[in-house]
Every structure is written in C-alpha cells, then in structure tokens.
Amino acid sequence: MNVADAMTPREDVVTAELPGTRSDVLEYLQERSFSSVPVIKSTGDGPEYRGLISRETLIDQPDEDQLVMLMEEVPTTTAETALDDLARLMVEEGARRVPVVDGEFEGIVTVTDVIHAIATGDQETDGTVEAYASENVNTTYEGAPLTVAERELSYANVPYTVALDGDGRMSGVLTEVDIIDVARIVEGEEETGDNFGDQDDEWSWEGIKAVGSRYLPTRDIEIPNKPVREFMSDDVVTASSQTSIQDAAQRMISNDIEQIPMVTGEDLVGIVCDVDLLEALYE
C-alpha cells in the first residue's frame, strides 16, 4: 500500500494561504480538531507548499500573528512512497501530518490515515498493544485548573493527560483538542516603561528625564481557569495488554481518539498512542 492509497488529495485538504493570520488557523483547528494546518502560496504553476502550523505553536506564540512566522518545517513525502516507509518517517521525525509534495502540493497524509489503513486491514499487522504501549503515562488531578494542565502537556511534550480522581483512579482523559476547543484570543496592551529625553533636549535633566510611558498592543491565548473535570472526556475507551493492533486501531478510528489507556482490571498500567501502532508496520 502506498501513500496515494491513504492520503487526502489537495482538493479535500483544509489549508491556510499566505498572506494570512493566526485567527484563520485557530478557527480551522477548533472547527475540525486538526493537529496542524498546511500553509500554501498560490503561484502560476499551482499551489506551492510552504509549511505547517500546529496547535502547539499557536498556544506557545500568542503574540505572533503572521503565518510566515508561525510555520514549522516538517518532512514531506511523495504519493509513491510505501506506507510502511512513511510510518517509519513519521515515528522517527515525530511528524503527525506529512505533506505530499511532488513539484507542487498534492495533498496530505496523517497518522490517522495510517491508523485507518491498519483498522480496515488494508495494511496488515500482527501482535498486541502490549509490545508498543508505554508504562510512562502523563497524568494530572481532575481538580487541577485547566491552565495548569495545559502547561503540563506542554512541558511533557505530549498531546494528552489522564485525569485521576482523589483516590488516584483514572476518571477521564484530557487532550490538546479539548483545550484548543475552549481557547480564545484576548487583545490587550503592555506598558514598555518610561521614555527618556535625548541628551540635547532643553527640558532634559542630564539626559535621563522620563517623559511618559508607551504601551504596545498584545495578544494572548486565554484558557478557562476551571477544573480539568469540566473539559475532559469521562467515557474513556480502554484496551488490555492482549488487545490486537488492528482492534486498537479500530477503537481509535471509531471513537476519534489518538490514545488509549491500557488497563488490567480497573488499574491503569500504560498508554498506547496512535503513533506507537505505526511501529508495528516496520519492526
């Protein structure tokens, strides 16, 4: 199976176009639950791919409005690339969405596209999730403020956190998508400090006389300061260590999720993410 069999073609891809603003991209991410949006530039020879803008970048750089300054360089692929080779590229480069480029922008292929191929059996896999799950699970207290949980995700560099109740039991899952859904842009201004007169000004005193303050417009991402339990998903899809790779992929696709907690009885023992399942294609 090749990338061409799994990718979303150019005409069906939601893109941002240069020049543009962060508000356009934030709207796409909130409406479609994407992890990133490709940026293109129209040319006489067709759309030219320029880069990707991720939801993490929008949150981490709230004062930057120009798309060209928010774009990230990511690897690209071609339609003829084998899907298992693409899976290896995604895992090694940490790339969830890979633009398909051959002279011009032809489309995009995502981790979800590969997981869908596994779920349908178009890309065969063997084994169970136990071999690919991680015992290192990112967690937070369900009563923690959402602002704190967002920072935890950022520092841990993961797109999810498993929420725990007061007894340390799993009570839900919070993802970056949940956070971006309730984020909003807030305009304001920032005082830059006193301005000082020039040395030669008649009214200055030794060149250091303050003449007032300046204010610069600012932009920030505001996240509700309410507990995680109000935003998390409490109907958690789980897997056991003996769940097959294909079954786990099917659960991810049917529930539109990127990670599944692994449990033994009621005990949380690990987590398997969609990108982990990609390793089953080339190992």
C-alpha atoms as a PDB file:
ATOM      1  CA  MET A   1       0.000   0.000   0.000  1.00  0.00           C
ATOM      2  CA  ASN A   2       1.344   3.425  -0.968  1.00  0.00           C
ATOM      3  CA  VAL A   3       0.786   6.957   0.317  1.00  0.00           C
ATOM      4  CA  ALA A   4      -1.507   7.605  -2.669  1.00  0.00           C
ATOM      5  CA  ASP A   5      -3.914   4.979  -1.311  1.00  0.00           C
ATOM      6  CA  ALA A   6      -4.206   6.630   2.092  1.00  0.00           C
ATOM      7  CA  MET A   7      -3.666  10.377   1.638  1.00  0.00           C
ATOM      8  CA  THR A   8      -6.216  13.170   1.442  1.00  0.00           C
ATOM      9  CA  PRO A   9      -5.916  14.816  -2.001  1.00  0.00           C
ATOM     10  CA  ARG A  10      -5.253  18.526  -2.352  1.00  0.00           C
ATOM     11  CA  GLU A  11      -8.835  19.450  -3.230  1.00  0.00           C
ATOM     12  CA  ASP A  12     -10.084  17.999   0.061  1.00  0.00           C
ATOM     13  CA  VAL A  13      -7.384  19.469   2.324  1.00  0.00           C
ATOM     14  CA  VAL A  14      -8.154  22.466   4.526  1.00  0.00           C
ATOM     15  CA  THR A  15      -5.245  24.861   4.076  1.00  0.00           C
ATOM     16  CA  ALA A  16      -4.218  28.358   5.103  1.00  0.00           C
ATOM     17  CA  GLU A  17      -2.902  30.621   2.387  1.00  0.00           C
ATOM     18  CA  LEU A  18      -0.215  33.282   2.536  1.00  0.00           C
ATOM     19  CA  PRO A  19      -0.635  36.012   3.479  1.00  0.00           C
ATOM     20  CA  GLY A  20      -2.932  35.160   6.381  1.00  0.00           C
ATOM     21  CA  THR A  21      -3.406  35.466  10.129  1.00  0.00           C
ATOM     22  CA  ARG A  22      -3.401  33.162  13.149  1.00  0.00           C
ATOM     23  CA  SER A  23      -7.152  33.697  13.595  1.00  0.00           C
ATOM     24  CA  ASP A  24      -7.802  31.818  10.340  1.00  0.00           C
ATOM     25  CA  VAL A  25      -5.767  28.814  11.503  1.00  0.00           C
ATOM     26  CA  LEU A  26      -7.220  28.809  15.034  1.00  0.00           C
ATOM     27  CA  GLU A  27     -10.698  28.684  13.528  1.00  0.00           C
ATOM     28  CA  TYR A  28      -9.751  25.666  11.386  1.00  0.00           C
ATOM     29  CA  LEU A  29      -8.265  23.827  14.365  1.00  0.00           C
ATOM     30  CA  GLN A  30     -11.298  24.494  16.552  1.00  0.00           C
ATOM     31  CA  GLU A  31     -13.839  23.513  13.901  1.00  0.00           C
ATOM     32  CA  ARG A  32     -12.066  20.410  12.562  1.00  0.00           C
ATOM     33  CA  SER A  33      -9.987  19.207  15.549  1.00  0.00           C
ATOM     34  CA  PHE A  34      -6.851  19.128  13.387  1.00  0.00           C
ATOM     35  CA  SER A  35      -3.415  18.984  14.980  1.00  0.00           C
ATOM     36  CA  SER A  36      -1.992  21.294  12.301  1.00  0.00           C
ATOM     37  CA  VAL A  37      -2.819  23.079   9.071  1.00  0.00           C
ATOM     38  CA  PRO A  38      -0.646  23.211   5.925  1.00  0.00           C
ATOM     39  CA  VAL A  39       0.190  26.636   4.523  1.00  0.00           C
ATOM     40  CA  ILE A  40       0.334  27.198   0.783  1.00  0.00           C
ATOM     41  CA  LYS A  41       1.154  30.048  -1.587  1.00  0.00           C
ATOM     42  CA  SER A  42      -0.683  30.333  -4.879  1.00  0.00           C
ATOM     43  CA  THR A  43       1.623  30.543  -7.893  1.00  0.00           C
ATOM     44  CA  GLY A  44       1.206  30.411 -11.648  1.00  0.00           C
ATOM     45  CA  ASP A  45       2.319  26.776 -11.540  1.00  0.00           C
ATOM     46  CA  GLY A  46      -0.156  25.755  -8.874  1.00  0.00           C
ATOM     47  CA  PRO A  47      -0.226  25.791  -5.054  1.00  0.00           C
ATOM     48  CA  GLU A  48       3.236  25.789  -3.517  1.00  0.00           C
ATOM     49  CA  TYR A  49       3.642  24.169  -0.122  1.00  0.00           C
ATOM     50  CA  ARG A  50       5.348  26.425   2.454  1.00  0.00           C
ATOM     51  CA  GLY A  51       4.990  24.778   5.867  1.00  0.00           C
ATOM     52  CA  LEU A  52       2.712  23.612   8.689  1.00  0.00           C
ATOM     53  CA  ILE A  53       1.223  25.486  11.623  1.00  0.00           C
ATOM     54  CA  SER A  54       0.429  23.356  14.677  1.00  0.00           C
ATOM     55  CA  ARG A  55      -1.933  23.937  17.581  1.00  0.00           C
ATOM     56  CA  GLU A  56       1.071  23.818  19.949  1.00  0.00           C
ATOM     57  CA  THR A  57       2.718  26.727  18.134  1.00  0.00           C
ATOM     58  CA  LEU A  58      -0.458  28.821  18.307  1.00  0.00           C
ATOM     59  CA  ILE A  59      -0.607  28.378  22.074  1.00  0.00           C
ATOM     60  CA  ASP A  60       3.123  28.875  22.654  1.00  0.00           C
ATOM     61  CA  GLN A  61       3.391  32.017  20.483  1.00  0.00           C
ATOM     62  CA  PRO A  62       0.210  34.008  21.231  1.00  0.00           C
ATOM     63  CA  ASP A  63       1.667  37.395  20.220  1.00  0.00           C
ATOM     64  CA  GLU A  64       2.688  36.318  16.711  1.00  0.00           C
ATOM     65  CA  ASP A  65       0.022  36.984  14.081  1.00  0.00           C
ATOM     66  CA  GLN A  66       1.811  36.438  10.755  1.00  0.00           C
ATOM     67  CA  LEU A  67       1.564  32.910   9.393  1.00  0.00           C
ATOM     68  CA  VAL A  68       5.035  33.027   7.889  1.00  0.00           C
ATOM     69  CA  MET A  69       6.485  33.397  11.417  1.00  0.00           C
ATOM     70  CA  LEU A  70       4.407  30.519  12.825  1.00  0.00           C
ATOM     71  CA  MET A  71       5.223  27.920  10.192  1.00  0.00           C
ATOM     72  CA  GLU A  72       7.237  24.812  11.051  1.00  0.00           C
ATOM     73  CA  GLU A  73       9.477  22.828   8.742  1.00  0.00           C
ATOM     74  CA  VAL A  74       8.375  19.201   8.559  1.00  0.00           C
ATOM     75  CA  PRO A  75       9.380  16.306   6.304  1.00  0.00           C
ATOM     76  CA  THR A  76       7.453  15.728   3.093  1.00  0.00           C
ATOM     77  CA  THR A  77       6.731  12.601   1.091  1.00  0.00           C
ATOM     78  CA  THR A  78       5.516  11.555  -2.347  1.00  0.00           C
ATOM     79  CA  ALA A  79       2.423   9.661  -3.436  1.00  0.00           C
ATOM     80  CA  GLU A  80       4.511   6.642  -4.496  1.00  0.00           C
ATOM     81  CA  THR A  81       6.147   6.123  -1.088  1.00  0.00           C
ATOM     82  CA  ALA A  82       5.286   2.811   0.595  1.00  0.00           C
ATOM     83  CA  LEU A  83       3.066   3.225   3.657  1.00  0.00           C
ATOM     84  CA  ASP A  84       5.444   1.318   5.933  1.00  0.00           C
ATOM     85  CA  ASP A  85       8.274   3.656   4.893  1.00  0.00           C
ATOM     86  CA  LEU A  86       6.020   6.610   5.669  1.00  0.00           C
ATOM     87  CA  ALA A  87       5.219   5.106   9.071  1.00  0.00           C
ATOM     88  CA  ARG A  88       8.918   4.909   9.879  1.00  0.00           C
ATOM     89  CA  LEU A  89       9.387   8.546   8.790  1.00  0.00           C
ATOM     90  CA  MET A  90       6.503   9.702  10.999  1.00  0.00           C
ATOM     91  CA  VAL A  91       7.856   7.902  14.050  1.00  0.00           C
ATOM     92  CA  GLU A  92      11.476   8.964  13.578  1.00  0.00           C
ATOM     93  CA  GLU A  93      10.624  12.603  12.815  1.00  0.00           C
ATOM     94  CA  GLY A  94       7.676  12.928  15.207  1.00  0.00           C
ATOM     95  CA  ALA A  95       5.511  14.119  12.317  1.00  0.00           C
ATOM     96  CA  ARG A  96       1.755  13.609  12.638  1.00  0.00           C
ATOM     97  CA  ARG A  97       0.885  15.197   9.281  1.00  0.00           C
ATOM     98  CA  VAL A  98       3.175  14.834   6.288  1.00  0.00           C
ATOM     99  CA  PRO A  99       2.551  16.946   3.188  1.00  0.00           C
ATOM    100  CA  VAL A 100       2.618  15.098  -0.130  1.00  0.00           C
ATOM    101  CA  VAL A 101       4.727  17.197  -2.473  1.00  0.00           C
ATOM    102  CA  ASP A 102       5.989  16.420  -5.954  1.00  0.00           C
ATOM    103  CA  GLY A 103       6.775  19.730  -7.555  1.00  0.00           C
ATOM    104  CA  GLU A 104       3.553  21.179  -6.149  1.00  0.00           C
ATOM    105  CA  PHE A 105       1.344  20.477  -3.141  1.00  0.00           C
ATOM    106  CA  GLU A 106      -0.636  17.291  -3.873  1.00  0.00           C
ATOM    107  CA  GLY A 107      -2.257  16.544  -0.530  1.00  0.00           C
ATOM    108  CA  ILE A 108      -1.518  15.381   2.976  1.00  0.00           C
ATOM    109  CA  VAL A 109      -1.227  12.070   4.804  1.00  0.00           C
ATOM    110  CA  THR A 110      -1.722  11.834   8.552  1.00  0.00           C
ATOM    111  CA  VAL A 111      -1.119   9.377  11.358  1.00  0.00           C
ATOM    112  CA  THR A 112      -4.893   8.880  11.393  1.00  0.00           C
ATOM    113  CA  ASP A 113      -4.806   7.882   7.720  1.00  0.00           C
ATOM    114  CA  VAL A 114      -2.267   5.178   8.501  1.00  0.00           C
ATOM    115  CA  ILE A 115      -4.251   4.025  11.554  1.00  0.00           C
ATOM    116  CA  HIS A 116      -7.333   3.789   9.319  1.00  0.00           C
ATOM    117  CA  ALA A 117      -5.415   1.512   6.938  1.00  0.00           C
ATOM    118  CA  ILE A 118      -4.474  -0.708   9.890  1.00  0.00           C
ATOM    119  CA  ALA A 119      -8.053  -0.720  11.207  1.00  0.00           C
ATOM    120  CA  THR A 120      -9.513  -1.831   7.867  1.00  0.00           C
ATOM    121  CA  GLY A 121      -6.845  -4.475   7.335  1.00  0.00           C
ATOM    122  CA  ASP A 122      -5.501  -2.768   4.198  1.00  0.00           C
ATOM    123  CA  GLN A 123      -2.151  -2.646   5.973  1.00  0.00           C
ATOM    124  CA  GLU A 124      -1.589  -5.937   7.774  1.00  0.00           C
ATOM    125  CA  THR A 125      -0.195  -6.074  11.303  1.00  0.00           C
ATOM    126  CA  ASP A 126       0.487  -8.778  13.861  1.00  0.00           C
ATOM    127  CA  GLY A 127       0.752  -8.776  17.622  1.00  0.00           C
ATOM    128  CA  THR A 128      -0.889  -6.970  20.530  1.00  0.00           C
ATOM    129  CA  VAL A 129      -0.661  -3.491  22.021  1.00  0.00           C
ATOM    130  CA  GLU A 130       1.438  -4.759  24.930  1.00  0.00           C
ATOM    131  CA  ALA A 131       4.565  -4.634  22.770  1.00  0.00           C
ATOM    132  CA  TYR A 132       4.001  -0.979  21.835  1.00  0.00           C
ATOM    133  CA  ALA A 133       2.333   0.557  24.895  1.00  0.00           C
ATOM    134  CA  SER A 134       4.291   2.759  27.284  1.00  0.00           C
ATOM    135  CA  GLU A 135       4.248   2.433  31.057  1.00  0.00           C
ATOM    136  CA  ASN A 136       5.096   6.134  31.340  1.00  0.00           C
ATOM    137  CA  VAL A 137       1.652   7.742  31.498  1.00  0.00           C
ATOM    138  CA  ASN A 138       1.162  11.513  31.707  1.00  0.00           C
ATOM    139  CA  THR A 139      -1.403  12.211  34.440  1.00  0.00           C
ATOM    140  CA  THR A 140      -2.991  15.120  36.263  1.00  0.00           C
ATOM    141  CA  TYR A 141      -5.520  15.608  39.046  1.00  0.00           C
ATOM    142  CA  GLU A 142      -9.080  16.095  37.769  1.00  0.00           C
ATOM    143  CA  GLY A 143      -9.457  19.104  40.047  1.00  0.00           C
ATOM    144  CA  ALA A 144      -6.391  20.897  38.676  1.00  0.00           C
ATOM    145  CA  PRO A 145      -7.075  24.153  36.789  1.00  0.00           C
ATOM    146  CA  LEU A 146      -7.148  23.712  33.026  1.00  0.00           C
ATOM    147  CA  THR A 147      -4.405  26.338  32.743  1.00  0.00           C
ATOM    148  CA  VAL A 148      -2.106  24.137  34.836  1.00  0.00           C
ATOM    149  CA  ALA A 149      -2.983  21.017  32.837  1.00  0.00           C
ATOM    150  CA  GLU A 150      -2.173  22.843  29.588  1.00  0.00           C
ATOM    151  CA  ARG A 151       1.290  23.691  30.897  1.00  0.00           C
ATOM    152  CA  GLU A 152       1.762  20.066  31.980  1.00  0.00           C
ATOM    153  CA  LEU A 153       1.040  18.906  28.429  1.00  0.00           C
ATOM    154  CA  SER A 154       3.465  21.478  27.052  1.00  0.00           C
ATOM    155  CA  TYR A 155       6.296  20.565  29.435  1.00  0.00           C
ATOM    156  CA  ALA A 156       5.751  16.828  28.974  1.00  0.00           C
ATOM    157  CA  ASN A 157       5.553  17.320  25.188  1.00  0.00           C
ATOM    158  CA  VAL A 158       2.555  15.011  24.856  1.00  0.00           C
ATOM    159  CA  PRO A 159      -0.941  15.699  23.450  1.00  0.00           C
ATOM    160  CA  TYR A 160      -2.905  14.156  26.339  1.00  0.00           C
ATOM    161  CA  THR A 161      -3.133  13.679  30.078  1.00  0.00           C
ATOM    162  CA  VAL A 162      -5.021  11.009  32.008  1.00  0.00           C
ATOM    163  CA  ALA A 163      -7.080  12.603  34.777  1.00  0.00           C
ATOM    164  CA  LEU A 164      -7.062  10.973  38.208  1.00  0.00           C
ATOM    165  CA  ASP A 165      -9.631  11.363  40.981  1.00  0.00           C
ATOM    166  CA  GLY A 166      -8.926  11.864  44.668  1.00  0.00           C
ATOM    167  CA  ASP A 167      -8.227   8.150  45.093  1.00  0.00           C
ATOM    168  CA  GLY A 168      -5.697   8.074  42.242  1.00  0.00           C
ATOM    169  CA  ARG A 169      -8.098   6.226  39.919  1.00  0.00           C
ATOM    170  CA  MET A 170      -8.480   7.118  36.255  1.00  0.00           C
ATOM    171  CA  SER A 171     -11.516   9.358  35.805  1.00  0.00           C
ATOM    172  CA  GLY A 172     -11.037  10.767  32.305  1.00  0.00           C
ATOM    173  CA  VAL A 173      -8.722  11.871  29.527  1.00  0.00           C
ATOM    174  CA  LEU A 174      -7.910  15.461  28.542  1.00  0.00           C
ATOM    175  CA  THR A 175      -6.312  16.241  25.153  1.00  0.00           C
ATOM    176  CA  GLU A 176      -4.888  19.227  23.321  1.00  0.00           C
ATOM    177  CA  VAL A 177      -8.042  19.227  21.200  1.00  0.00           C
ATOM    178  CA  ASP A 178     -10.172  19.696  24.322  1.00  0.00           C
ATOM    179  CA  ILE A 179      -8.034  22.683  25.292  1.00  0.00           C
ATOM    180  CA  ILE A 180      -7.937  24.354  21.877  1.00  0.00           C
ATOM    181  CA  ASP A 181     -11.723  23.991  21.657  1.00  0.00           C
ATOM    182  CA  VAL A 182     -12.206  26.408  24.567  1.00  0.00           C
ATOM    183  CA  ALA A 183      -9.226  28.700  23.955  1.00  0.00           C
ATOM    184  CA  ARG A 184      -9.813  32.247  22.780  1.00  0.00           C
ATOM    185  CA  ILE A 185      -7.643  35.150  21.662  1.00  0.00           C
ATOM    186  CA  VAL A 186      -7.597  38.154  24.015  1.00  0.00           C
ATOM    187  CA  GLU A 187      -6.360  41.568  22.932  1.00  0.00           C
ATOM    188  CA  GLY A 188      -4.625  43.908  25.377  1.00  0.00           C
ATOM    189  CA  GLU A 189      -1.683  46.232  25.795  1.00  0.00           C
ATOM    190  CA  GLU A 190       1.604  46.160  27.639  1.00  0.00           C
ATOM    191  CA  GLU A 191       3.494  49.029  29.234  1.00  0.00           C
ATOM    192  CA  THR A 192       7.034  49.245  27.869  1.00  0.00           C
ATOM    193  CA  GLY A 193       8.316  51.569  30.606  1.00  0.00           C
ATOM    194  CA  ASP A 194       9.309  55.195  30.749  1.00  0.00           C
ATOM    195  CA  ASN A 195      10.626  57.046  27.704  1.00  0.00           C
ATOM    196  CA  PHE A 196      13.615  59.287  28.222  1.00  0.00           C
ATOM    197  CA  GLY A 197      14.564  62.599  26.714  1.00  0.00           C
ATOM    198  CA  ASP A 198      17.583  62.994  24.493  1.00  0.00           C
ATOM    199  CA  GLN A 199      20.781  64.453  25.967  1.00  0.00           C
ATOM    200  CA  ASP A 200      20.373  67.645  23.942  1.00  0.00           C
ATOM    201  CA  ASP A 201      16.711  68.318  24.764  1.00  0.00           C
ATOM    202  CA  GLU A 202      16.302  71.669  26.531  1.00  0.00           C
ATOM    203  CA  TRP A 203      13.945  70.194  29.081  1.00  0.00           C
ATOM    204  CA  SER A 204      16.024  67.118  29.866  1.00  0.00           C
ATOM    205  CA  TRP A 205      17.998  66.735  33.063  1.00  0.00           C
ATOM    206  CA  GLU A 206      21.306  65.013  32.365  1.00  0.00           C
ATOM    207  CA  GLY A 207      19.660  63.123  29.535  1.00  0.00           C
ATOM    208  CA  ILE A 208      17.636  60.800  31.777  1.00  0.00           C
ATOM    209  CA  LYS A 209      14.415  62.669  32.385  1.00  0.00           C
ATOM    210  CA  ALA A 210      11.380  60.394  31.941  1.00  0.00           C
ATOM    211  CA  VAL A 211       8.685  61.855  29.697  1.00  0.00           C
ATOM    212  CA  GLY A 212       5.954  59.230  29.973  1.00  0.00           C
ATOM    213  CA  SER A 213       5.172  55.615  29.206  1.00  0.00           C
ATOM    214  CA  ARG A 214       4.435  53.761  25.992  1.00  0.00           C
ATOM    215  CA  TYR A 215       2.012  50.908  25.513  1.00  0.00           C
ATOM    216  CA  LEU A 216       2.211  48.201  22.879  1.00  0.00           C
ATOM    217  CA  PRO A 217      -0.751  46.084  21.770  1.00  0.00           C
ATOM    218  CA  THR A 218      -0.536  42.461  22.885  1.00  0.00           C
ATOM    219  CA  ARG A 219      -2.388  39.262  22.074  1.00  0.00           C
ATOM    220  CA  ASP A 220      -2.737  36.259  24.313  1.00  0.00           C
ATOM    221  CA  ILE A 221      -4.438  32.880  24.331  1.00  0.00           C
ATOM    222  CA  GLU A 222      -6.884  32.704  27.216  1.00  0.00           C
ATOM    223  CA  ILE A 223      -7.748  29.308  28.664  1.00  0.00           C
ATOM    224  CA  PRO A 224     -10.566  28.933  31.216  1.00  0.00           C
ATOM    225  CA  ASN A 225      -9.273  28.638  34.772  1.00  0.00           C
ATOM    226  CA  LYS A 226     -11.716  25.891  35.675  1.00  0.00           C
ATOM    227  CA  PRO A 227     -11.019  22.303  36.780  1.00  0.00           C
ATOM    228  CA  VAL A 228      -9.969  19.644  34.297  1.00  0.00           C
ATOM    229  CA  ARG A 229     -13.059  17.548  35.091  1.00  0.00           C
ATOM    230  CA  GLU A 230     -15.230  20.123  33.281  1.00  0.00           C
ATOM    231  CA  PHE A 231     -13.369  19.634  29.978  1.00  0.00           C
ATOM    232  CA  MET A 232     -12.092  16.049  30.000  1.00  0.00           C
ATOM    233  CA  SER A 233     -13.776  13.057  28.374  1.00  0.00           C
ATOM    234  CA  ASP A 234     -15.011  10.784  31.160  1.00  0.00           C
ATOM    235  CA  ASP A 235     -16.258   7.991  28.870  1.00  0.00           C
ATOM    236  CA  VAL A 236     -12.790   6.506  28.418  1.00  0.00           C
ATOM    237  CA  VAL A 237     -12.061   3.884  25.772  1.00  0.00           C
ATOM    238  CA  THR A 238      -9.524   1.386  27.118  1.00  0.00           C
ATOM    239  CA  ALA A 239      -7.526  -1.630  25.971  1.00  0.00           C
ATOM    240  CA  SER A 240      -5.938  -4.601  27.664  1.00  0.00           C
ATOM    241  CA  SER A 241      -2.416  -5.844  27.075  1.00  0.00           C
ATOM    242  CA  GLN A 242      -3.796  -8.555  24.766  1.00  0.00           C
ATOM    243  CA  THR A 243      -5.824  -6.228  22.536  1.00  0.00           C
ATOM    244  CA  SER A 244      -4.680  -6.707  18.944  1.00  0.00           C
ATOM    245  CA  ILE A 245      -3.061  -3.907  16.972  1.00  0.00           C
ATOM    246  CA  GLN A 246      -5.948  -3.903  14.491  1.00  0.00           C
ATOM    247  CA  ASP A 247      -8.573  -3.842  17.252  1.00  0.00           C
ATOM    248  CA  ALA A 248      -6.845  -0.895  18.948  1.00  0.00           C
ATOM    249  CA  ALA A 249      -6.708   0.922  15.600  1.00  0.00           C
ATOM    250  CA  GLN A 250     -10.424   0.306  15.078  1.00  0.00           C
ATOM    251  CA  ARG A 251     -11.205   1.756  18.517  1.00  0.00           C
ATOM    252  CA  MET A 252      -9.150   4.854  17.733  1.00  0.00           C
ATOM    253  CA  ILE A 253     -10.904   5.431  14.417  1.00  0.00           C
ATOM    254  CA  SER A 254     -14.452   4.735  15.626  1.00  0.00           C
ATOM    255  CA  ASN A 255     -14.026   6.980  18.694  1.00  0.00           C
ATOM    256  CA  ASP A 256     -11.914   9.680  17.006  1.00  0.00           C
ATOM    257  CA  ILE A 257      -9.119   9.432  19.584  1.00  0.00           C
ATOM    258  CA  GLU A 258      -5.331   9.345  19.407  1.00  0.00           C
ATOM    259  CA  GLN A 259      -4.511   7.366  22.543  1.00  0.00           C
ATOM    260  CA  ILE A 260      -5.989   4.504  24.569  1.00  0.00           C
ATOM    261  CA  PRO A 261      -5.183   3.840  28.235  1.00  0.00           C
ATOM    262  CA  MET A 262      -4.168   0.232  28.873  1.00  0.00           C
ATOM    263  CA  VAL A 263      -5.759  -1.313  31.942  1.00  0.00           C
ATOM    264  CA  THR A 264      -5.636  -4.503  33.953  1.00  0.00           C
ATOM    265  CA  GLY A 265      -8.984  -4.783  35.672  1.00  0.00           C
ATOM    266  CA  GLU A 266      -9.564  -1.229  36.922  1.00  0.00           C
ATOM    267  CA  ASP A 267      -5.863  -0.401  37.230  1.00  0.00           C
ATOM    268  CA  LEU A 268      -4.158   1.911  34.766  1.00  0.00           C
ATOM    269  CA  VAL A 269      -0.963   0.165  33.631  1.00  0.00           C
ATOM    270  CA  GLY A 270       0.053   2.020  30.467  1.00  0.00           C
ATOM    271  CA  ILE A 271      -0.950   4.010  27.407  1.00  0.00           C
ATOM    272  CA  VAL A 272      -0.836   3.222  23.700  1.00  0.00           C
ATOM    273  CA  CYS A 273      -0.842   6.135  21.269  1.00  0.00           C
ATOM    274  CA  ASP A 274      -1.671   6.009  17.578  1.00  0.00           C
ATOM    275  CA  VAL A 275       1.914   6.761  16.620  1.00  0.00           C
ATOM    276  CA  ASP A 276       3.014   3.747  18.701  1.00  0.00           C
ATOM    277  CA  LEU A 277       0.942   1.461  16.473  1.00  0.00           C
ATOM    278  CA  LEU A 278       2.831   2.733  13.416  1.00  0.00           C
ATOM    279  CA  GLU A 279       5.915   0.904  14.661  1.00  0.00           C
ATOM    280  CA  ALA A 280       4.117  -2.391  14.044  1.00  0.00           C
ATOM    281  CA  LEU A 281       4.341  -1.702  10.288  1.00  0.00           C
ATOM    282  CA  TYR A 282       8.115  -1.829  10.019  1.00  0.00           C
ATOM    283  CA  GLU A 283       9.510  -3.667  13.034  1.00  0.00           C
END
